[in-house]
Amino acid sequence: QGAIHDIGLLCGSSPDVPVSPSSKKKLYKIYRYLNLTHVLCLKSFSASLRDMKFETDYVHKLGLLTEDEAILVSSMENKARDGMLTLLAHTMGELLNETRMADTSSQRMVLNQKICDLR
């Protein structure tokens, strides 16, 4: 949970102010991916989470995936969490590329380490 919180804080503080519509979309995607990653980490400990299906529950009940994302993640089977971390890292990189932090390698290094901590 700590790494998820750290990633949220680092990403949320990255965009320029005022936050552009493009950055807002990326931040919302990061928010969804972080929440889904948390769910996937807890899935093996919770019967109610264990029975959830990507194509239905994660899209319609929880709103954490789009239908296209659900198809992609469900195809990863037992590597869904690793796949989500890859999607998360990619979206974080896109966010940083369009912000004042684009040239800050130290922030990228910290975010990448936090992603590794989620494994």
PDB file of N, CA and C in Angstrom:
ATOM      1  N   GLN A   1       0.811  -1.186   0.000  1.00  0.00           N
ATOM      2  CA  GLN A   1       0.000   0.000   0.000  1.00  0.00           C
ATOM      3  C   GLN A   1       0.857   1.253   0.000  1.00  0.00           C
ATOM      4  N   GLY A   2       2.003   1.179   0.645  1.00  0.00           N
ATOM      5  CA  GLY A   2       2.884   2.346   0.709  1.00  0.00           C
ATOM      6  C   GLY A   2       3.406   2.746  -0.657  1.00  0.00           C
ATOM      7  N   ALA A   3       3.807   1.773  -1.457  1.00  0.00           N
ATOM      8  CA  ALA A   3       4.311   2.078  -2.803  1.00  0.00           C
ATOM      9  C   ALA A   3       3.213   2.666  -3.678  1.00  0.00           C
ATOM     10  N   ILE A   4       1.990   2.155  -3.540  1.00  0.00           N
ATOM     11  CA  ILE A   4       0.863   2.684  -4.302  1.00  0.00           C
ATOM     12  C   ILE A   4       0.620   4.140  -3.920  1.00  0.00           C
ATOM     13  N   HIS A   5       0.654   4.422  -2.636  1.00  0.00           N
ATOM     14  CA  HIS A   5       0.476   5.791  -2.146  1.00  0.00           C
ATOM     15  C   HIS A   5       1.587   6.702  -2.668  1.00  0.00           C
ATOM     16  N   ASP A   6       2.819   6.231  -2.596  1.00  0.00           N
ATOM     17  CA  ASP A   6       3.956   7.029  -3.075  1.00  0.00           C
ATOM     18  C   ASP A   6       3.824   7.363  -4.557  1.00  0.00           C
ATOM     19  N   ILE A   7       3.441   6.381  -5.362  1.00  0.00           N
ATOM     20  CA  ILE A   7       3.274   6.602  -6.800  1.00  0.00           C
ATOM     21  C   ILE A   7       2.179   7.635  -7.042  1.00  0.00           C
ATOM     22  N   GLY A   8       1.073   7.514  -6.324  1.00  0.00           N
ATOM     23  CA  GLY A   8      -0.014   8.481  -6.464  1.00  0.00           C
ATOM     24  C   GLY A   8       0.434   9.892  -6.133  1.00  0.00           C
ATOM     25  N   LEU A   9       1.183  10.046  -5.046  1.00  0.00           N
ATOM     26  CA  LEU A   9       1.672  11.375  -4.660  1.00  0.00           C
ATOM     27  C   LEU A   9       2.654  11.934  -5.687  1.00  0.00           C
ATOM     28  N   LEU A  10       3.579  11.115  -6.134  1.00  0.00           N
ATOM     29  CA  LEU A  10       4.578  11.582  -7.103  1.00  0.00           C
ATOM     30  C   LEU A  10       3.930  11.962  -8.429  1.00  0.00           C
ATOM     31  N   CYS A  11       3.009  11.142  -8.900  1.00  0.00           N
ATOM     32  CA  CYS A  11       2.340  11.446 -10.171  1.00  0.00           C
ATOM     33  C   CYS A  11       1.430  12.662 -10.036  1.00  0.00           C
ATOM     34  N   GLY A  12       0.715  12.734  -8.921  1.00  0.00           N
ATOM     35  CA  GLY A  12      -0.207  13.844  -8.714  1.00  0.00           C
ATOM     36  C   GLY A  12       0.482  15.178  -8.584  1.00  0.00           C
ATOM     37  N   SER A  13       1.728  15.170  -8.148  1.00  0.00           N
ATOM     38  CA  SER A  13       2.460  16.426  -7.998  1.00  0.00           C
ATOM     39  C   SER A  13       3.306  16.762  -9.221  1.00  0.00           C
ATOM     40  N   SER A  14       3.274  15.944 -10.241  1.00  0.00           N
ATOM     41  CA  SER A  14       4.111  16.155 -11.424  1.00  0.00           C
ATOM     42  C   SER A  14       3.596  17.164 -12.431  1.00  0.00           C
ATOM     43  N   PRO A  15       2.305  17.203 -12.724  1.00  0.00           N
ATOM     44  CA  PRO A  15       1.835  18.081 -13.807  1.00  0.00           C
ATOM     45  C   PRO A  15       2.018  19.558 -13.503  1.00  0.00           C
ATOM     46  N   ASP A  16       2.145  20.305 -14.585  1.00  0.00           N
ATOM     47  CA  ASP A  16       2.201  21.753 -14.472  1.00  0.00           C
ATOM     48  C   ASP A  16       0.835  22.272 -14.041  1.00  0.00           C
ATOM     49  N   VAL A  17       0.829  23.440 -13.398  1.00  0.00           N
ATOM     50  CA  VAL A  17      -0.424  24.078 -12.989  1.00  0.00           C
ATOM     51  C   VAL A  17      -0.631  25.287 -13.884  1.00  0.00           C
ATOM     52  N   PRO A  18      -1.794  25.453 -14.479  1.00  0.00           N
ATOM     53  CA  PRO A  18      -2.978  24.609 -14.371  1.00  0.00           C
ATOM     54  C   PRO A  18      -2.768  23.278 -15.096  1.00  0.00           C
ATOM     55  N   VAL A  19      -3.411  22.246 -14.602  1.00  0.00           N
ATOM     56  CA  VAL A  19      -3.268  20.906 -15.169  1.00  0.00           C
ATOM     57  C   VAL A  19      -4.028  20.843 -16.491  1.00  0.00           C
ATOM     58  N   SER A  20      -3.328  20.407 -17.525  1.00  0.00           N
ATOM     59  CA  SER A  20      -3.938  20.321 -18.856  1.00  0.00           C
ATOM     60  C   SER A  20      -4.950  19.181 -18.907  1.00  0.00           C
ATOM     61  N   PRO A  21      -5.906  19.252 -19.824  1.00  0.00           N
ATOM     62  CA  PRO A  21      -6.862  18.144 -19.979  1.00  0.00           C
ATOM     63  C   PRO A  21      -6.165  16.811 -20.269  1.00  0.00           C
ATOM     64  N   SER A  22      -5.096  16.854 -21.041  1.00  0.00           N
ATOM     65  CA  SER A  22      -4.353  15.626 -21.346  1.00  0.00           C
ATOM     66  C   SER A  22      -3.739  15.027 -20.077  1.00  0.00           C
ATOM     67  N   SER A  23      -3.161  15.872 -19.232  1.00  0.00           N
ATOM     68  CA  SER A  23      -2.574  15.384 -17.972  1.00  0.00           C
ATOM     69  C   SER A  23      -3.657  14.849 -17.051  1.00  0.00           C
ATOM     70  N   LYS A  24      -4.827  15.498 -17.018  1.00  0.00           N
ATOM     71  CA  LYS A  24      -5.933  15.011 -16.183  1.00  0.00           C
ATOM     72  C   LYS A  24      -6.351  13.614 -16.600  1.00  0.00           C
ATOM     73  N   LYS A  25      -6.412  13.372 -17.909  1.00  0.00           N
ATOM     74  CA  LYS A  25      -6.783  12.037 -18.400  1.00  0.00           C
ATOM     75  C   LYS A  25      -5.752  11.003 -17.983  1.00  0.00           C
ATOM     76  N   LYS A  26      -4.479  11.361 -18.092  1.00  0.00           N
ATOM     77  CA  LYS A  26      -3.428  10.425 -17.697  1.00  0.00           C
ATOM     78  C   LYS A  26      -3.453  10.172 -16.191  1.00  0.00           C
ATOM     79  N   LEU A  27      -3.690  11.203 -15.403  1.00  0.00           N
ATOM     80  CA  LEU A  27      -3.771  11.029 -13.959  1.00  0.00           C
ATOM     81  C   LEU A  27      -4.937  10.118 -13.578  1.00  0.00           C
ATOM     82  N   TYR A  28      -6.059  10.263 -14.253  1.00  0.00           N
ATOM     83  CA  TYR A  28      -7.197   9.397 -13.967  1.00  0.00           C
ATOM     84  C   TYR A  28      -6.890   7.943 -14.352  1.00  0.00           C
ATOM     85  N   LYS A  29      -6.186   7.770 -15.461  1.00  0.00           N
ATOM     86  CA  LYS A  29      -5.802   6.414 -15.866  1.00  0.00           C
ATOM     87  C   LYS A  29      -4.847   5.821 -14.832  1.00  0.00           C
ATOM     88  N   ILE A  30      -3.900   6.606 -14.354  1.00  0.00           N
ATOM     89  CA  ILE A  30      -2.965   6.144 -13.323  1.00  0.00           C
ATOM     90  C   ILE A  30      -3.735   5.767 -12.057  1.00  0.00           C
ATOM     91  N   TYR A  31      -4.702   6.588 -11.683  1.00  0.00           N
ATOM     92  CA  TYR A  31      -5.548   6.302 -10.523  1.00  0.00           C
ATOM     93  C   TYR A  31      -6.254   4.952 -10.682  1.00  0.00           C
ATOM     94  N   ARG A  32      -6.842   4.710 -11.862  1.00  0.00           N
ATOM     95  CA  ARG A  32      -7.532   3.436 -12.109  1.00  0.00           C
ATOM     96  C   ARG A  32      -6.549   2.271 -12.040  1.00  0.00           C
ATOM     97  N   TYR A  33      -5.392   2.435 -12.671  1.00  0.00           N
ATOM     98  CA  TYR A  33      -4.400   1.356 -12.698  1.00  0.00           C
ATOM     99  C   TYR A  33      -3.855   1.060 -11.300  1.00  0.00           C
ATOM    100  N   LEU A  34      -3.637   2.094 -10.499  1.00  0.00           N
ATOM    101  CA  LEU A  34      -3.155   1.870  -9.132  1.00  0.00           C
ATOM    102  C   LEU A  34      -4.197   1.117  -8.301  1.00  0.00           C
ATOM    103  N   ASN A  35      -5.460   1.498  -8.441  1.00  0.00           N
ATOM    104  CA  ASN A  35      -6.514   0.809  -7.697  1.00  0.00           C
ATOM    105  C   ASN A  35      -6.648  -0.638  -8.145  1.00  0.00           C
ATOM    106  N   LEU A  36      -6.560  -0.871  -9.444  1.00  0.00           N
ATOM    107  CA  LEU A  36      -6.647  -2.246  -9.935  1.00  0.00           C
ATOM    108  C   LEU A  36      -5.444  -3.066  -9.475  1.00  0.00           C
ATOM    109  N   THR A  37      -4.272  -2.472  -9.478  1.00  0.00           N
ATOM    110  CA  THR A  37      -3.079  -3.168  -8.987  1.00  0.00           C
ATOM    111  C   THR A  37      -3.281  -3.564  -7.531  1.00  0.00           C
ATOM    112  N   HIS A  38      -3.857  -2.675  -6.745  1.00  0.00           N
ATOM    113  CA  HIS A  38      -4.125  -2.977  -5.336  1.00  0.00           C
ATOM    114  C   HIS A  38      -5.106  -4.146  -5.215  1.00  0.00           C
ATOM    115  N   VAL A  39      -6.162  -4.120  -6.019  1.00  0.00           N
ATOM    116  CA  VAL A  39      -7.137  -5.220  -6.024  1.00  0.00           C
ATOM    117  C   VAL A  39      -6.451  -6.533  -6.390  1.00  0.00           C
ATOM    118  N   LEU A  40      -5.595  -6.498  -7.410  1.00  0.00           N
ATOM    119  CA  LEU A  40      -4.918  -7.724  -7.850  1.00  0.00           C
ATOM    120  C   LEU A  40      -3.965  -8.252  -6.780  1.00  0.00           C
ATOM    121  N   CYS A  41      -3.360  -7.354  -6.007  1.00  0.00           N
ATOM    122  CA  CYS A  41      -2.481  -7.794  -4.912  1.00  0.00           C
ATOM    123  C   CYS A  41      -3.276  -8.490  -3.814  1.00  0.00           C
ATOM    124  N   LEU A  42      -4.513  -8.060  -3.608  1.00  0.00           N
ATOM    125  CA  LEU A  42      -5.345  -8.633  -2.539  1.00  0.00           C
ATOM    126  C   LEU A  42      -6.207  -9.799  -3.001  1.00  0.00           C
ATOM    127  N   LYS A  43      -6.258 -10.023  -4.300  1.00  0.00           N
ATOM    128  CA  LYS A  43      -7.169 -11.006  -4.885  1.00  0.00           C
ATOM    129  C   LYS A  43      -7.041 -12.401  -4.268  1.00  0.00           C
ATOM    130  N   SER A  44      -5.833 -12.842  -4.026  1.00  0.00           N
ATOM    131  CA  SER A  44      -5.645 -14.201  -3.507  1.00  0.00           C
ATOM    132  C   SER A  44      -6.073 -14.331  -2.042  1.00  0.00           C
ATOM    133  N   PHE A  45      -6.262 -13.194  -1.355  1.00  0.00           N
ATOM    134  CA  PHE A  45      -6.645 -13.229   0.059  1.00  0.00           C
ATOM    135  C   PHE A  45      -8.141 -13.038   0.278  1.00  0.00           C
ATOM    136  N   SER A  46      -8.874 -12.704  -0.771  1.00  0.00           N
ATOM    137  CA  SER A  46     -10.282 -12.360  -0.614  1.00  0.00           C
ATOM    138  C   SER A  46     -11.147 -13.178  -1.575  1.00  0.00           C
ATOM    139  N   ALA A  47     -12.095 -13.909  -1.020  1.00  0.00           N
ATOM    140  CA  ALA A  47     -12.979 -14.726  -1.863  1.00  0.00           C
ATOM    141  C   ALA A  47     -13.815 -13.865  -2.798  1.00  0.00           C
ATOM    142  N   SER A  48     -14.271 -12.717  -2.325  1.00  0.00           N
ATOM    143  CA  SER A  48     -15.106 -11.861  -3.174  1.00  0.00           C
ATOM    144  C   SER A  48     -14.297 -11.263  -4.329  1.00  0.00           C
ATOM    145  N   LEU A  49     -13.036 -10.957  -4.102  1.00  0.00           N
ATOM    146  CA  LEU A  49     -12.188 -10.441  -5.181  1.00  0.00           C
ATOM    147  C   LEU A  49     -11.739 -11.564  -6.116  1.00  0.00           C
ATOM    148  N   ARG A  50     -11.502 -12.735  -5.552  1.00  0.00           N
ATOM    149  CA  ARG A  50     -11.007 -13.875  -6.334  1.00  0.00           C
ATOM    150  C   ARG A  50     -11.964 -14.263  -7.455  1.00  0.00           C
ATOM    151  N   ASP A  51     -13.253 -14.097  -7.207  1.00  0.00           N
ATOM    152  CA  ASP A  51     -14.262 -14.516  -8.177  1.00  0.00           C
ATOM    153  C   ASP A  51     -14.602 -13.447  -9.219  1.00  0.00           C
ATOM    154  N   MET A  52     -14.020 -12.269  -9.100  1.00  0.00           N
ATOM    155  CA  MET A  52     -14.348 -11.194 -10.041  1.00  0.00           C
ATOM    156  C   MET A  52     -13.718 -11.456 -11.406  1.00  0.00           C
ATOM    157  N   LYS A  53     -14.422 -11.053 -12.451  1.00  0.00           N
ATOM    158  CA  LYS A  53     -13.985 -11.246 -13.835  1.00  0.00           C
ATOM    159  C   LYS A  53     -13.603  -9.907 -14.447  1.00  0.00           C
ATOM    160  N   PHE A  54     -12.509  -9.914 -15.210  1.00  0.00           N
ATOM    161  CA  PHE A  54     -12.033  -8.679 -15.834  1.00  0.00           C
ATOM    162  C   PHE A  54     -13.079  -8.063 -16.747  1.00  0.00           C
ATOM    163  N   GLU A  55     -13.666  -8.883 -17.622  1.00  0.00           N
ATOM    164  CA  GLU A  55     -14.556  -8.358 -18.664  1.00  0.00           C
ATOM    165  C   GLU A  55     -15.850  -7.771 -18.105  1.00  0.00           C
ATOM    166  N   THR A  56     -16.267  -8.189 -16.926  1.00  0.00           N
ATOM    167  CA  THR A  56     -17.529  -7.693 -16.376  1.00  0.00           C
ATOM    168  C   THR A  56     -17.316  -6.870 -15.113  1.00  0.00           C
ATOM    169  N   ASP A  57     -16.792  -7.481 -14.078  1.00  0.00           N
ATOM    170  CA  ASP A  57     -16.694  -6.820 -12.780  1.00  0.00           C
ATOM    171  C   ASP A  57     -15.734  -5.630 -12.768  1.00  0.00           C
ATOM    172  N   TYR A  58     -14.553  -5.800 -13.341  1.00  0.00           N
ATOM    173  CA  TYR A  58     -13.572  -4.724 -13.304  1.00  0.00           C
ATOM    174  C   TYR A  58     -13.968  -3.563 -14.210  1.00  0.00           C
ATOM    175  N   VAL A  59     -14.788  -3.843 -15.219  1.00  0.00           N
ATOM    176  CA  VAL A  59     -15.254  -2.790 -16.126  1.00  0.00           C
ATOM    177  C   VAL A  59     -16.512  -2.136 -15.569  1.00  0.00           C
ATOM    178  N   HIS A  60     -17.544  -2.919 -15.322  1.00  0.00           N
ATOM    179  CA  HIS A  60     -18.856  -2.364 -14.993  1.00  0.00           C
ATOM    180  C   HIS A  60     -19.084  -2.141 -13.499  1.00  0.00           C
ATOM    181  N   LYS A  61     -18.657  -3.067 -12.663  1.00  0.00           N
ATOM    182  CA  LYS A  61     -18.886  -2.906 -11.223  1.00  0.00           C
ATOM    183  C   LYS A  61     -17.922  -1.889 -10.615  1.00  0.00           C
ATOM    184  N   LEU A  62     -16.644  -2.056 -10.907  1.00  0.00           N
ATOM    185  CA  LEU A  62     -15.622  -1.219 -10.273  1.00  0.00           C
ATOM    186  C   LEU A  62     -15.204  -0.024 -11.120  1.00  0.00           C
ATOM    187  N   GLY A  63     -15.389  -0.095 -12.419  1.00  0.00           N
ATOM    188  CA  GLY A  63     -14.997   1.013 -13.296  1.00  0.00           C
ATOM    189  C   GLY A  63     -13.495   1.231 -13.370  1.00  0.00           C
ATOM    190  N   LEU A  64     -12.730   0.175 -13.143  1.00  0.00           N
ATOM    191  CA  LEU A  64     -11.272   0.313 -13.133  1.00  0.00           C
ATOM    192  C   LEU A  64     -10.631   0.055 -14.489  1.00  0.00           C
ATOM    193  N   LEU A  65     -11.369  -0.536 -15.414  1.00  0.00           N
ATOM    194  CA  LEU A  65     -10.840  -0.825 -16.750  1.00  0.00           C
ATOM    195  C   LEU A  65     -11.863  -0.429 -17.807  1.00  0.00           C
ATOM    196  N   THR A  66     -11.348  -0.042 -18.961  1.00  0.00           N
ATOM    197  CA  THR A  66     -12.227   0.080 -20.118  1.00  0.00           C
ATOM    198  C   THR A  66     -12.419  -1.331 -20.676  1.00  0.00           C
ATOM    199  N   GLU A  67     -13.348  -1.495 -21.572  1.00  0.00           N
ATOM    200  CA  GLU A  67     -13.572  -2.825 -22.152  1.00  0.00           C
ATOM    201  C   GLU A  67     -12.328  -3.317 -22.894  1.00  0.00           C
ATOM    202  N   ASP A  68     -11.663  -2.425 -23.635  1.00  0.00           N
ATOM    203  CA  ASP A  68     -10.440  -2.820 -24.346  1.00  0.00           C
ATOM    204  C   ASP A  68      -9.330  -3.208 -23.384  1.00  0.00           C
ATOM    205  N   GLU A  69      -9.182  -2.456 -22.299  1.00  0.00           N
ATOM    206  CA  GLU A  69      -8.166  -2.782 -21.301  1.00  0.00           C
ATOM    207  C   GLU A  69      -8.470  -4.131 -20.653  1.00  0.00           C
ATOM    208  N   ALA A  70      -9.746  -4.403 -20.401  1.00  0.00           N
ATOM    209  CA  ALA A  70     -10.139  -5.673 -19.781  1.00  0.00           C
ATOM    210  C   ALA A  70      -9.770  -6.849 -20.675  1.00  0.00           C
ATOM    211  N   ILE A  71      -9.975  -6.719 -21.981  1.00  0.00           N
ATOM    212  CA  ILE A  71      -9.607  -7.787 -22.909  1.00  0.00           C
ATOM    213  C   ILE A  71      -8.100  -8.016 -22.861  1.00  0.00           C
ATOM    214  N   LEU A  72      -7.334  -6.928 -22.867  1.00  0.00           N
ATOM    215  CA  LEU A  72      -5.876  -7.037 -22.826  1.00  0.00           C
ATOM    216  C   LEU A  72      -5.411  -7.703 -21.537  1.00  0.00           C
ATOM    217  N   VAL A  73      -5.893  -7.213 -20.410  1.00  0.00           N
ATOM    218  CA  VAL A  73      -5.438  -7.732 -19.113  1.00  0.00           C
ATOM    219  C   VAL A  73      -5.897  -9.177 -18.907  1.00  0.00           C
ATOM    220  N   SER A  74      -7.112  -9.509 -19.315  1.00  0.00           N
ATOM    221  CA  SER A  74      -7.577 -10.886 -19.131  1.00  0.00           C
ATOM    222  C   SER A  74      -6.768 -11.872 -19.968  1.00  0.00           C
ATOM    223  N   SER A  75      -6.203 -11.416 -21.062  1.00  0.00           N
ATOM    224  CA  SER A  75      -5.380 -12.303 -21.887  1.00  0.00           C
ATOM    225  C   SER A  75      -4.038 -12.619 -21.225  1.00  0.00           C
ATOM    226  N   MET A  76      -3.689 -11.880 -20.188  1.00  0.00           N
ATOM    227  CA  MET A  76      -2.409 -12.081 -19.487  1.00  0.00           C
ATOM    228  C   MET A  76      -2.497 -13.171 -18.432  1.00  0.00           C
ATOM    229  N   GLU A  77      -3.717 -13.628 -18.160  1.00  0.00           N
ATOM    230  CA  GLU A  77      -3.987 -14.699 -17.205  1.00  0.00           C
ATOM    231  C   GLU A  77      -3.270 -14.480 -15.874  1.00  0.00           C
ATOM    232  N   ASN A  78      -2.361 -15.363 -15.480  1.00  0.00           N
ATOM    233  CA  ASN A  78      -1.720 -15.242 -14.170  1.00  0.00           C
ATOM    234  C   ASN A  78      -0.639 -14.164 -14.115  1.00  0.00           C
ATOM    235  N   LYS A  79      -0.423 -13.448 -15.193  1.00  0.00           N
ATOM    236  CA  LYS A  79       0.538 -12.340 -15.223  1.00  0.00           C
ATOM    237  C   LYS A  79      -0.175 -10.989 -15.319  1.00  0.00           C
ATOM    238  N   ALA A  80      -1.459 -10.956 -14.940  1.00  0.00           N
ATOM    239  CA  ALA A  80      -2.261  -9.733 -15.053  1.00  0.00           C
ATOM    240  C   ALA A  80      -1.660  -8.589 -14.240  1.00  0.00           C
ATOM    241  N   ARG A  81      -1.186  -8.886 -13.034  1.00  0.00           N
ATOM    242  CA  ARG A  81      -0.602  -7.817 -12.212  1.00  0.00           C
ATOM    243  C   ARG A  81       0.647  -7.254 -12.865  1.00  0.00           C
ATOM    244  N   ASP A  82       1.508  -8.113 -13.399  1.00  0.00           N
ATOM    245  CA  ASP A  82       2.706  -7.629 -14.084  1.00  0.00           C
ATOM    246  C   ASP A  82       2.336  -6.813 -15.316  1.00  0.00           C
ATOM    247  N   GLY A  83       1.305  -7.256 -16.019  1.00  0.00           N
ATOM    248  CA  GLY A  83       0.835  -6.503 -17.174  1.00  0.00           C
ATOM    249  C   GLY A  83       0.306  -5.138 -16.776  1.00  0.00           C
ATOM    250  N   MET A  84      -0.422  -5.078 -15.663  1.00  0.00           N
ATOM    251  CA  MET A  84      -0.928  -3.794 -15.177  1.00  0.00           C
ATOM    252  C   MET A  84       0.208  -2.870 -14.783  1.00  0.00           C
ATOM    253  N   LEU A  85       1.249  -3.420 -14.188  1.00  0.00           N
ATOM    254  CA  LEU A  85       2.392  -2.590 -13.815  1.00  0.00           C
ATOM    255  C   LEU A  85       3.084  -2.025 -15.053  1.00  0.00           C
ATOM    256  N   THR A  86       3.118  -2.796 -16.123  1.00  0.00           N
ATOM    257  CA  THR A  86       3.686  -2.304 -17.377  1.00  0.00           C
ATOM    258  C   THR A  86       2.837  -1.175 -17.941  1.00  0.00           C
ATOM    259  N   LEU A  87       1.513  -1.353 -17.950  1.00  0.00           N
ATOM    260  CA  LEU A  87       0.627  -0.285 -18.418  1.00  0.00           C
ATOM    261  C   LEU A  87       0.752   0.954 -17.539  1.00  0.00           C
ATOM    262  N   LEU A  88       0.881   0.749 -16.248  1.00  0.00           N
ATOM    263  CA  LEU A  88       1.042   1.851 -15.311  1.00  0.00           C
ATOM    264  C   LEU A  88       2.340   2.612 -15.588  1.00  0.00           C
ATOM    265  N   ALA A  89       3.439   1.886 -15.744  1.00  0.00           N
ATOM    266  CA  ALA A  89       4.736   2.531 -16.005  1.00  0.00           C
ATOM    267  C   ALA A  89       4.690   3.316 -17.311  1.00  0.00           C
ATOM    268  N   HIS A  90       4.056   2.758 -18.323  1.00  0.00           N
ATOM    269  CA  HIS A  90       3.952   3.447 -19.614  1.00  0.00           C
ATOM    270  C   HIS A  90       3.158   4.752 -19.475  1.00  0.00           C
ATOM    271  N   THR A  91       2.043   4.703 -18.770  1.00  0.00           N
ATOM    272  CA  THR A  91       1.216   5.894 -18.590  1.00  0.00           C
ATOM    273  C   THR A  91       1.933   6.941 -17.745  1.00  0.00           C
ATOM    274  N   MET A  92       2.672   6.498 -16.733  1.00  0.00           N
ATOM    275  CA  MET A  92       3.450   7.443 -15.931  1.00  0.00           C
ATOM    276  C   MET A  92       4.506   8.129 -16.794  1.00  0.00           C
ATOM    277  N   GLY A  93       5.154   7.373 -17.662  1.00  0.00           N
ATOM    278  CA  GLY A  93       6.141   7.958 -18.564  1.00  0.00           C
ATOM    279  C   GLY A  93       5.526   8.985 -19.490  1.00  0.00           C
ATOM    280  N   GLU A  94       4.332   8.673 -20.011  1.00  0.00           N
ATOM    281  CA  GLU A  94       3.627   9.633 -20.865  1.00  0.00           C
ATOM    282  C   GLU A  94       3.307  10.909 -20.101  1.00  0.00           C
ATOM    283  N   LEU A  95       2.873  10.771 -18.850  1.00  0.00           N
ATOM    284  CA  LEU A  95       2.558  11.934 -18.027  1.00  0.00           C
ATOM    285  C   LEU A  95       3.803  12.794 -17.815  1.00  0.00           C
ATOM    286  N   LEU A  96       4.900  12.154 -17.446  1.00  0.00           N
ATOM    287  CA  LEU A  96       6.127  12.909 -17.186  1.00  0.00           C
ATOM    288  C   LEU A  96       6.644  13.590 -18.446  1.00  0.00           C
ATOM    289  N   ASN A  97       6.448  12.979 -19.598  1.00  0.00           N
ATOM    290  CA  ASN A  97       6.923  13.566 -20.846  1.00  0.00           C
ATOM    291  C   ASN A  97       6.252  14.888 -21.174  1.00  0.00           C
ATOM    292  N   GLU A  98       5.052  15.098 -20.667  1.00  0.00           N
ATOM    293  CA  GLU A  98       4.339  16.334 -21.002  1.00  0.00           C
ATOM    294  C   GLU A  98       4.332  17.344 -19.859  1.00  0.00           C
ATOM    295  N   THR A  99       5.139  17.105 -18.831  1.00  0.00           N
ATOM    296  CA  THR A  99       5.163  18.015 -17.685  1.00  0.00           C
ATOM    297  C   THR A  99       6.538  18.641 -17.533  1.00  0.00           C
ATOM    298  N   ARG A 100       6.612  19.518 -16.560  1.00  0.00           N
ATOM    299  CA  ARG A 100       7.895  20.162 -16.260  1.00  0.00           C
ATOM    300  C   ARG A 100       8.936  19.157 -15.782  1.00  0.00           C
ATOM    301  N   MET A 101       8.481  17.965 -15.427  1.00  0.00           N
ATOM    302  CA  MET A 101       9.379  16.918 -14.937  1.00  0.00           C
ATOM    303  C   MET A 101       9.960  16.081 -16.079  1.00  0.00           C
ATOM    304  N   ALA A 102       9.710  16.484 -17.311  1.00  0.00           N
ATOM    305  CA  ALA A 102      10.120  15.672 -18.461  1.00  0.00           C
ATOM    306  C   ALA A 102      11.618  15.371 -18.458  1.00  0.00           C
ATOM    307  N   ASP A 103      12.416  16.290 -17.952  1.00  0.00           N
ATOM    308  CA  ASP A 103      13.866  16.095 -17.976  1.00  0.00           C
ATOM    309  C   ASP A 103      14.435  15.696 -16.615  1.00  0.00           C
ATOM    310  N   THR A 104      13.578  15.329 -15.693  1.00  0.00           N
ATOM    311  CA  THR A 104      14.023  14.982 -14.343  1.00  0.00           C
ATOM    312  C   THR A 104      14.170  13.475 -14.218  1.00  0.00           C
ATOM    313  N   SER A 105      15.378  13.012 -14.422  1.00  0.00           N
ATOM    314  CA  SER A 105      15.609  11.569 -14.363  1.00  0.00           C
ATOM    315  C   SER A 105      15.462  11.030 -12.940  1.00  0.00           C
ATOM    316  N   SER A 106      15.697  11.859 -11.925  1.00  0.00           N
ATOM    317  CA  SER A 106      15.581  11.377 -10.545  1.00  0.00           C
ATOM    318  C   SER A 106      14.132  10.990 -10.222  1.00  0.00           C
ATOM    319  N   GLN A 107      13.154  11.766 -10.704  1.00  0.00           N
ATOM    320  CA  GLN A 107      11.752  11.420 -10.458  1.00  0.00           C
ATOM    321  C   GLN A 107      11.406  10.132 -11.181  1.00  0.00           C
ATOM    322  N   ARG A 108      11.906   9.974 -12.402  1.00  0.00           N
ATOM    323  CA  ARG A 108      11.656   8.741 -13.151  1.00  0.00           C
ATOM    324  C   ARG A 108      12.254   7.535 -12.430  1.00  0.00           C
ATOM    325  N   MET A 109      13.455   7.706 -11.893  1.00  0.00           N
ATOM    326  CA  MET A 109      14.104   6.604 -11.189  1.00  0.00           C
ATOM    327  C   MET A 109      13.296   6.206  -9.948  1.00  0.00           C
ATOM    328  N   VAL A 110      12.832   7.195  -9.185  1.00  0.00           N
ATOM    329  CA  VAL A 110      12.047   6.906  -7.977  1.00  0.00           C
ATOM    330  C   VAL A 110      10.748   6.205  -8.356  1.00  0.00           C
ATOM    331  N   LEU A 111      10.056   6.702  -9.395  1.00  0.00           N
ATOM    332  CA  LEU A 111       8.805   6.069  -9.823  1.00  0.00           C
ATOM    333  C   LEU A 111       9.035   4.643 -10.300  1.00  0.00           C
ATOM    334  N   ASN A 112      10.107   4.429 -11.053  1.00  0.00           N
ATOM    335  CA  ASN A 112      10.412   3.067 -11.519  1.00  0.00           C
ATOM    336  C   ASN A 112      10.707   2.139 -10.344  1.00  0.00           C
ATOM    337  N   GLN A 113      11.396   2.652  -9.324  1.00  0.00           N
ATOM    338  CA  GLN A 113      11.678   1.832  -8.147  1.00  0.00           C
ATOM    339  C   GLN A 113      10.385   1.486  -7.414  1.00  0.00           C
ATOM    340  N   LYS A 114       9.482   2.441  -7.328  1.00  0.00           N
ATOM    341  CA  LYS A 114       8.199   2.186  -6.667  1.00  0.00           C
ATOM    342  C   LYS A 114       7.377   1.146  -7.426  1.00  0.00           C
ATOM    343  N   ILE A 115       7.451   1.174  -8.752  1.00  0.00           N
ATOM    344  CA  ILE A 115       6.789   0.147  -9.559  1.00  0.00           C
ATOM    345  C   ILE A 115       7.389  -1.228  -9.231  1.00  0.00           C
ATOM    346  N   CYS A 116       8.713  -1.283  -9.136  1.00  0.00           N
ATOM    347  CA  CYS A 116       9.368  -2.558  -8.800  1.00  0.00           C
ATOM    348  C   CYS A 116       8.960  -3.027  -7.401  1.00  0.00           C
ATOM    349  N   ASP A 117       8.740  -2.077  -6.487  1.00  0.00           N
ATOM    350  CA  ASP A 117       8.328  -2.437  -5.127  1.00  0.00           C
ATOM    351  C   ASP A 117       6.950  -3.097  -5.101  1.00  0.00           C
ATOM    352  N   LEU A 118       6.133  -2.825  -6.111  1.00  0.00           N
ATOM    353  CA  LEU A 118       4.802  -3.432  -6.173  1.00  0.00           C
ATOM    354  C   LEU A 118       4.847  -4.898  -6.597  1.00  0.00           C
ATOM    355  N   ARG A 119       5.942  -5.362  -7.137  1.00  0.00           N
ATOM    356  CA  ARG A 119       6.057  -6.752  -7.561  1.00  0.00           C
ATOM    357  C   ARG A 119       6.205  -7.589  -6.363  1.00  0.00           C
TER     358      ARG A 119
END
